[in-house]
Amino acid sequence: MAMPRRWIRERGVVKLLMEPQGAVVALTMRTYSYLFIVSKRFVGVKRIRTADRLVARAEYSTPKVLDLIRSTYPHGS
């Protein structure tokens, strides 16, 4: 049986995205979301505004999330 390409789980304020390109664990608060990202390009934590909805806009893809963070927050997050 083939593994699904993406695995997404949402439980309250915690969201988990796992795929072959990496993983994102998002802790969502009222104003900010804290993204714990593990991928080939980046391992670390990013803080983004919750209202920006970057993970959904990136179609739940780890590389696209990193690209959107870089374009939305050019001076870091």
Protein backbone atom coordinates (compact mmCIF):
# COMPACT_ATOMS: atom_id res chain seq x y z
CA MET A 1 0.00 0.00 0.00
CA ALA A 2 1.43 3.38 -1.01
CA MET A 3 1.91 6.10 1.59
CA PRO A 4 -0.06 9.30 1.12
CA ARG A 5 2.07 12.16 -0.14
CA ARG A 6 0.83 14.56 2.56
CA TRP A 7 -0.38 14.08 6.07
CA ILE A 8 -2.25 16.99 7.68
CA ARG A 9 -3.74 17.05 11.17
CA GLU A 10 -5.36 19.95 13.01
CA ARG A 11 -6.14 19.78 16.73
CA GLY A 12 -7.17 23.13 18.18
CA VAL A 13 -4.16 25.43 18.20
CA VAL A 14 -1.71 22.75 16.97
CA LYS A 15 -1.46 21.88 13.29
CA LEU A 16 0.86 19.27 11.78
CA LEU A 17 1.90 18.91 8.13
CA MET A 18 4.19 16.09 7.04
CA GLU A 19 5.28 15.37 3.48
CA PRO A 20 8.37 14.05 1.69
CA GLN A 21 9.84 17.58 1.38
CA GLY A 22 9.63 18.31 5.12
CA ALA A 23 7.39 18.91 8.09
CA VAL A 24 5.71 21.90 9.71
CA VAL A 25 4.27 22.03 13.22
CA ALA A 26 2.27 25.21 13.73
CA LEU A 27 1.28 26.53 17.14
CA THR A 28 -1.42 29.11 16.42
CA MET A 29 -2.19 31.89 18.87
CA ARG A 30 -4.46 34.92 18.51
CA THR A 31 -1.96 37.26 16.82
CA TYR A 32 1.00 35.07 15.84
CA SER A 33 1.67 31.53 14.70
CA TYR A 34 4.93 29.83 15.53
CA LEU A 35 6.07 27.43 12.81
CA PHE A 36 8.57 24.70 13.67
CA ILE A 37 9.93 23.71 10.26
CA VAL A 38 12.15 20.77 9.28
CA SER A 39 13.18 20.54 5.63
CA LYS A 40 16.31 20.25 3.51
CA ARG A 41 16.42 24.05 3.12
CA PHE A 42 15.65 25.10 6.69
CA VAL A 43 15.46 23.71 10.19
CA GLY A 44 14.17 26.10 12.82
CA VAL A 45 11.36 28.30 14.06
CA LYS A 46 9.55 31.12 12.26
CA ARG A 47 7.00 33.51 13.75
CA ILE A 48 4.32 34.79 11.38
CA ARG A 49 1.11 36.78 11.75
CA THR A 50 -1.84 34.41 12.08
CA ALA A 51 -3.99 36.55 9.77
CA ASP A 52 -1.53 35.99 6.88
CA ARG A 53 -2.65 32.31 6.59
CA LEU A 54 0.62 31.42 4.86
CA VAL A 55 0.36 27.64 5.24
CA ALA A 56 -3.08 27.55 3.59
CA ARG A 57 -1.98 29.99 0.88
CA ALA A 58 1.06 27.78 0.22
CA GLU A 59 -1.29 24.86 -0.48
CA TYR A 60 0.11 22.95 2.53
CA SER A 61 3.54 22.51 0.94
CA THR A 62 6.67 22.96 3.08
CA PRO A 63 8.86 24.48 0.32
CA LYS A 64 6.06 26.88 -0.68
CA VAL A 65 5.62 27.90 2.98
CA LEU A 66 9.30 28.85 3.14
CA ASP A 67 9.06 30.80 -0.14
CA LEU A 68 5.98 32.71 1.07
CA ILE A 69 7.62 33.51 4.40
CA ARG A 70 10.68 34.87 2.57
CA SER A 71 8.55 37.05 0.27
CA THR A 72 6.07 38.21 2.95
CA TYR A 73 8.71 38.92 5.61
CA PRO A 74 11.80 40.07 3.66
CA HIS A 75 13.56 41.27 6.83
CA GLY A 76 12.94 38.09 8.80
CA SER A 77 10.15 36.94 11.05
